[in-house]
Amino acid sequence: MPSKMPRWRKRMGVATILYTLGATLFITNMFNDLPEALSLVGVALIAIGLYFNIRAMAEMRR
């Protein structure tokens, strides 16, 4: 049975989760001495979340 939730709302949820994970990794790296790779992973998650957010906004306009 297909979900009643619109696709753009699902993408916004995915974007929010990625933003939260990315920001958590990035902020944790600033206050603790974690490897630089974790900071880059945090930035990458934020960028992927931004991509999903832009796609969701484009679908909302249709």
PDB file of N, CA and C in Angstrom:
ATOM      1  N   MET A   1       0.841  -1.175   0.000  1.00  0.00           N
ATOM      2  CA  MET A   1       0.000   0.000   0.000  1.00  0.00           C
ATOM      3  C   MET A   1       0.890   1.245   0.000  1.00  0.00           C
ATOM      4  N   PRO A   2       0.725   2.130  -0.951  1.00  0.00           N
ATOM      5  CA  PRO A   2       1.585   3.323  -1.007  1.00  0.00           C
ATOM      6  C   PRO A   2       1.304   4.285   0.144  1.00  0.00           C
ATOM      7  N   SER A   3       2.331   4.992   0.521  1.00  0.00           N
ATOM      8  CA  SER A   3       2.216   5.946   1.619  1.00  0.00           C
ATOM      9  C   SER A   3       1.454   7.184   1.157  1.00  0.00           C
ATOM     10  N   LYS A   4       0.701   7.789   2.076  1.00  0.00           N
ATOM     11  CA  LYS A   4      -0.058   9.002   1.763  1.00  0.00           C
ATOM     12  C   LYS A   4       0.799  10.257   1.912  1.00  0.00           C
ATOM     13  N   MET A   5       1.968  10.098   2.507  1.00  0.00           N
ATOM     14  CA  MET A   5       2.833  11.253   2.734  1.00  0.00           C
ATOM     15  C   MET A   5       3.465  11.696   1.412  1.00  0.00           C
ATOM     16  N   PRO A   6       3.437  13.006   1.126  1.00  0.00           N
ATOM     17  CA  PRO A   6       4.050  13.477  -0.121  1.00  0.00           C
ATOM     18  C   PRO A   6       5.560  13.246  -0.137  1.00  0.00           C
ATOM     19  N   ARG A   7       6.089  13.079  -1.332  1.00  0.00           N
ATOM     20  CA  ARG A   7       7.513  12.793  -1.482  1.00  0.00           C
ATOM     21  C   ARG A   7       8.376  13.934  -0.957  1.00  0.00           C
ATOM     22  N   TRP A   8       7.925  15.184  -1.149  1.00  0.00           N
ATOM     23  CA  TRP A   8       8.740  16.311  -0.695  1.00  0.00           C
ATOM     24  C   TRP A   8       8.866  16.328   0.817  1.00  0.00           C
ATOM     25  N   ARG A   9       7.825  15.864   1.519  1.00  0.00           N
ATOM     26  CA  ARG A   9       7.898  15.845   2.984  1.00  0.00           C
ATOM     27  C   ARG A   9       8.884  14.784   3.457  1.00  0.00           C
ATOM     28  N   LYS A  10       8.946  13.661   2.748  1.00  0.00           N
ATOM     29  CA  LYS A  10       9.932  12.632   3.080  1.00  0.00           C
ATOM     30  C   LYS A  10      11.344  13.171   2.881  1.00  0.00           C
ATOM     31  N   ARG A  11      11.545  13.907   1.782  1.00  0.00           N
ATOM     32  CA  ARG A  11      12.872  14.472   1.528  1.00  0.00           C
ATOM     33  C   ARG A  11      13.252  15.493   2.589  1.00  0.00           C
ATOM     34  N   MET A  12      12.285  16.274   3.069  1.00  0.00           N
ATOM     35  CA  MET A  12      12.568  17.239   4.133  1.00  0.00           C
ATOM     36  C   MET A  12      12.976  16.507   5.417  1.00  0.00           C
ATOM     37  N   GLY A  13      12.341  15.370   5.692  1.00  0.00           N
ATOM     38  CA  GLY A  13      12.707  14.581   6.865  1.00  0.00           C
ATOM     39  C   GLY A  13      14.118  14.027   6.755  1.00  0.00           C
ATOM     40  N   VAL A  14      14.462  13.530   5.578  1.00  0.00           N
ATOM     41  CA  VAL A  14      15.823  13.024   5.355  1.00  0.00           C
ATOM     42  C   VAL A  14      16.830  14.153   5.504  1.00  0.00           C
ATOM     43  N   ALA A  15      16.506  15.324   4.956  1.00  0.00           N
ATOM     44  CA  ALA A  15      17.407  16.474   5.059  1.00  0.00           C
ATOM     45  C   ALA A  15      17.614  16.874   6.514  1.00  0.00           C
ATOM     46  N   THR A  16      16.549  16.855   7.311  1.00  0.00           N
ATOM     47  CA  THR A  16      16.660  17.223   8.722  1.00  0.00           C
ATOM     48  C   THR A  16      17.554  16.248   9.474  1.00  0.00           C
ATOM     49  N   ILE A  17      17.400  14.968   9.207  1.00  0.00           N
ATOM     50  CA  ILE A  17      18.240  13.960   9.868  1.00  0.00           C
ATOM     51  C   ILE A  17      19.701  14.158   9.482  1.00  0.00           C
ATOM     52  N   LEU A  18      19.964  14.404   8.196  1.00  0.00           N
ATOM     53  CA  LEU A  18      21.346  14.593   7.754  1.00  0.00           C
ATOM     54  C   LEU A  18      21.946  15.870   8.331  1.00  0.00           C
ATOM     55  N   TYR A  19      21.146  16.951   8.391  1.00  0.00           N
ATOM     56  CA  TYR A  19      21.624  18.192   9.013  1.00  0.00           C
ATOM     57  C   TYR A  19      22.014  17.948  10.467  1.00  0.00           C
ATOM     58  N   THR A  20      21.161  17.236  11.187  1.00  0.00           N
ATOM     59  CA  THR A  20      21.412  16.990  12.610  1.00  0.00           C
ATOM     60  C   THR A  20      22.667  16.156  12.815  1.00  0.00           C
ATOM     61  N   LEU A  21      22.812  15.085  12.048  1.00  0.00           N
ATOM     62  CA  LEU A  21      24.008  14.247  12.174  1.00  0.00           C
ATOM     63  C   LEU A  21      25.273  15.015  11.799  1.00  0.00           C
ATOM     64  N   GLY A  22      25.202  15.764  10.709  1.00  0.00           N
ATOM     65  CA  GLY A  22      26.366  16.527  10.267  1.00  0.00           C
ATOM     66  C   GLY A  22      26.763  17.595  11.259  1.00  0.00           C
ATOM     67  N   ALA A  23      25.783  18.327  11.781  1.00  0.00           N
ATOM     68  CA  ALA A  23      26.089  19.376  12.757  1.00  0.00           C
ATOM     69  C   ALA A  23      26.636  18.785  14.045  1.00  0.00           C
ATOM     70  N   THR A  24      26.103  17.639  14.462  1.00  0.00           N
ATOM     71  CA  THR A  24      26.607  16.992  15.674  1.00  0.00           C
ATOM     72  C   THR A  24      28.066  16.589  15.512  1.00  0.00           C
ATOM     73  N   LEU A  25      28.398  15.976  14.376  1.00  0.00           N
ATOM     74  CA  LEU A  25      29.794  15.590  14.141  1.00  0.00           C
ATOM     75  C   LEU A  25      30.707  16.812  14.069  1.00  0.00           C
ATOM     76  N   PHE A  26      30.257  17.844  13.387  1.00  0.00           N
ATOM     77  CA  PHE A  26      31.078  19.040  13.212  1.00  0.00           C
ATOM     78  C   PHE A  26      31.312  19.746  14.549  1.00  0.00           C
ATOM     79  N   ILE A  27      30.261  19.912  15.348  1.00  0.00           N
ATOM     80  CA  ILE A  27      30.397  20.599  16.640  1.00  0.00           C
ATOM     81  C   ILE A  27      31.199  19.751  17.614  1.00  0.00           C
ATOM     82  N   THR A  28      30.987  18.441  17.614  1.00  0.00           N
ATOM     83  CA  THR A  28      31.760  17.562  18.493  1.00  0.00           C
ATOM     84  C   THR A  28      33.237  17.640  18.155  1.00  0.00           C
ATOM     85  N   ASN A  29      33.558  17.731  16.883  1.00  0.00           N
ATOM     86  CA  ASN A  29      34.955  17.826  16.471  1.00  0.00           C
ATOM     87  C   ASN A  29      35.575  19.144  16.926  1.00  0.00           C
ATOM     88  N   MET A  30      34.786  20.204  16.998  1.00  0.00           N
ATOM     89  CA  MET A  30      35.336  21.493  17.425  1.00  0.00           C
ATOM     90  C   MET A  30      35.705  21.485  18.906  1.00  0.00           C
ATOM     91  N   PHE A  31      34.899  20.809  19.740  1.00  0.00           N
ATOM     92  CA  PHE A  31      35.140  20.831  21.178  1.00  0.00           C
ATOM     93  C   PHE A  31      36.003  19.676  21.662  1.00  0.00           C
ATOM     94  N   ASN A  32      36.067  18.607  20.921  1.00  0.00           N
ATOM     95  CA  ASN A  32      36.903  17.459  21.280  1.00  0.00           C
ATOM     96  C   ASN A  32      37.953  17.265  20.196  1.00  0.00           C
ATOM     97  N   ASP A  33      38.989  16.544  20.543  1.00  0.00           N
ATOM     98  CA  ASP A  33      40.063  16.315  19.577  1.00  0.00           C
ATOM     99  C   ASP A  33      39.785  15.025  18.804  1.00  0.00           C
ATOM    100  N   LEU A  34      38.899  15.122  17.829  1.00  0.00           N
ATOM    101  CA  LEU A  34      38.575  13.983  16.980  1.00  0.00           C
ATOM    102  C   LEU A  34      39.353  14.094  15.674  1.00  0.00           C
ATOM    103  N   PRO A  35      39.458  13.014  14.925  1.00  0.00           N
ATOM    104  CA  PRO A  35      40.159  13.087  13.637  1.00  0.00           C
ATOM    105  C   PRO A  35      39.492  14.075  12.679  1.00  0.00           C
ATOM    106  N   GLU A  36      40.310  14.654  11.819  1.00  0.00           N
ATOM    107  CA  GLU A  36      39.814  15.642  10.849  1.00  0.00           C
ATOM    108  C   GLU A  36      38.805  15.022   9.881  1.00  0.00           C
ATOM    109  N   ALA A  37      38.923  13.722   9.652  1.00  0.00           N
ATOM    110  CA  ALA A  37      38.005  13.051   8.727  1.00  0.00           C
ATOM    111  C   ALA A  37      36.562  13.120   9.221  1.00  0.00           C
ATOM    112  N   LEU A  38      36.366  13.072  10.545  1.00  0.00           N
ATOM    113  CA  LEU A  38      35.003  13.158  11.066  1.00  0.00           C
ATOM    114  C   LEU A  38      34.396  14.530  10.816  1.00  0.00           C
ATOM    115  N   SER A  39      35.213  15.563  10.872  1.00  0.00           N
ATOM    116  CA  SER A  39      34.718  16.904  10.559  1.00  0.00           C
ATOM    117  C   SER A  39      34.307  16.985   9.096  1.00  0.00           C
ATOM    118  N   LEU A  40      35.095  16.380   8.223  1.00  0.00           N
ATOM    119  CA  LEU A  40      34.758  16.377   6.802  1.00  0.00           C
ATOM    120  C   LEU A  40      33.497  15.563   6.527  1.00  0.00           C
ATOM    121  N   VAL A  41      33.310  14.483   7.265  1.00  0.00           N
ATOM    122  CA  VAL A  41      32.080  13.699   7.124  1.00  0.00           C
ATOM    123  C   VAL A  41      30.883  14.543   7.558  1.00  0.00           C
ATOM    124  N   GLY A  42      31.057  15.317   8.633  1.00  0.00           N
ATOM    125  CA  GLY A  42      29.984  16.202   9.084  1.00  0.00           C
ATOM    126  C   GLY A  42      29.622  17.234   8.040  1.00  0.00           C
ATOM    127  N   VAL A  43      30.625  17.834   7.425  1.00  0.00           N
ATOM    128  CA  VAL A  43      30.371  18.824   6.371  1.00  0.00           C
ATOM    129  C   VAL A  43      29.700  18.156   5.169  1.00  0.00           C
ATOM    130  N   ALA A  44      30.121  16.943   4.840  1.00  0.00           N
ATOM    131  CA  ALA A  44      29.513  16.226   3.714  1.00  0.00           C
ATOM    132  C   ALA A  44      28.045  15.905   3.999  1.00  0.00           C
ATOM    133  N   LEU A  45      27.729  15.514   5.236  1.00  0.00           N
ATOM    134  CA  LEU A  45      26.336  15.232   5.578  1.00  0.00           C
ATOM    135  C   LEU A  45      25.473  16.483   5.480  1.00  0.00           C
ATOM    136  N   ILE A  46      26.024  17.616   5.893  1.00  0.00           N
ATOM    137  CA  ILE A  46      25.284  18.875   5.773  1.00  0.00           C
ATOM    138  C   ILE A  46      25.050  19.202   4.302  1.00  0.00           C
ATOM    139  N   ALA A  47      26.050  18.980   3.463  1.00  0.00           N
ATOM    140  CA  ALA A  47      25.901  19.256   2.029  1.00  0.00           C
ATOM    141  C   ALA A  47      24.860  18.338   1.390  1.00  0.00           C
ATOM    142  N   ILE A  48      24.851  17.070   1.765  1.00  0.00           N
ATOM    143  CA  ILE A  48      23.853  16.143   1.228  1.00  0.00           C
ATOM    144  C   ILE A  48      22.459  16.536   1.715  1.00  0.00           C
ATOM    145  N   GLY A  49      22.361  16.959   2.972  1.00  0.00           N
ATOM    146  CA  GLY A  49      21.077  17.438   3.489  1.00  0.00           C
ATOM    147  C   GLY A  49      20.584  18.652   2.732  1.00  0.00           C
ATOM    148  N   LEU A  50      21.499  19.543   2.372  1.00  0.00           N
ATOM    149  CA  LEU A  50      21.134  20.719   1.582  1.00  0.00           C
ATOM    150  C   LEU A  50      20.609  20.300   0.208  1.00  0.00           C
ATOM    151  N   TYR A  51      21.233  19.296  -0.386  1.00  0.00           N
ATOM    152  CA  TYR A  51      20.759  18.781  -1.677  1.00  0.00           C
ATOM    153  C   TYR A  51      19.322  18.263  -1.564  1.00  0.00           C
ATOM    154  N   PHE A  52      19.046  17.458  -0.531  1.00  0.00           N
ATOM    155  CA  PHE A  52      17.698  16.931  -0.353  1.00  0.00           C
ATOM    156  C   PHE A  52      16.700  18.052  -0.101  1.00  0.00           C
ATOM    157  N   ASN A  53      17.118  19.080   0.627  1.00  0.00           N
ATOM    158  CA  ASN A  53      16.230  20.199   0.910  1.00  0.00           C
ATOM    159  C   ASN A  53      15.895  20.963  -0.367  1.00  0.00           C
ATOM    160  N   ILE A  54      16.869  21.171  -1.227  1.00  0.00           N
ATOM    161  CA  ILE A  54      16.622  21.869  -2.493  1.00  0.00           C
ATOM    162  C   ILE A  54      15.702  21.045  -3.384  1.00  0.00           C
ATOM    163  N   ARG A  55      15.913  19.740  -3.418  1.00  0.00           N
ATOM    164  CA  ARG A  55      15.028  18.883  -4.223  1.00  0.00           C
ATOM    165  C   ARG A  55      13.597  18.921  -3.697  1.00  0.00           C
ATOM    166  N   ALA A  56      13.448  18.929  -2.364  1.00  0.00           N
ATOM    167  CA  ALA A  56      12.108  18.970  -1.779  1.00  0.00           C
ATOM    168  C   ALA A  56      11.409  20.281  -2.113  1.00  0.00           C
ATOM    169  N   MET A  57      12.141  21.388  -2.058  1.00  0.00           N
ATOM    170  CA  MET A  57      11.530  22.676  -2.386  1.00  0.00           C
ATOM    171  C   MET A  57      11.130  22.728  -3.856  1.00  0.00           C
ATOM    172  N   ALA A  58      11.912  22.109  -4.723  1.00  0.00           N
ATOM    173  CA  ALA A  58      11.564  22.071  -6.143  1.00  0.00           C
ATOM    174  C   ALA A  58      10.291  21.255  -6.371  1.00  0.00           C
ATOM    175  N   GLU A  59      10.127  20.170  -5.624  1.00  0.00           N
ATOM    176  CA  GLU A  59       8.913  19.364  -5.764  1.00  0.00           C
ATOM    177  C   GLU A  59       7.700  20.080  -5.195  1.00  0.00           C
ATOM    178  N   MET A  60       7.896  20.895  -4.170  1.00  0.00           N
ATOM    179  CA  MET A  60       6.777  21.635  -3.596  1.00  0.00           C
ATOM    180  C   MET A  60       6.228  22.645  -4.596  1.00  0.00           C
ATOM    181  N   ARG A  61       7.078  23.192  -5.437  1.00  0.00           N
ATOM    182  CA  ARG A  61       6.645  24.213  -6.394  1.00  0.00           C
ATOM    183  C   ARG A  61       5.826  23.637  -7.537  1.00  0.00           C
ATOM    184  N   ARG A  62       5.958  22.353  -7.784  1.00  0.00           N
ATOM    185  CA  ARG A  62       5.212  21.747  -8.896  1.00  0.00           C
ATOM    186  C   ARG A  62       3.743  21.680  -8.599  1.00  0.00           C
TER     187      ARG A  62
END
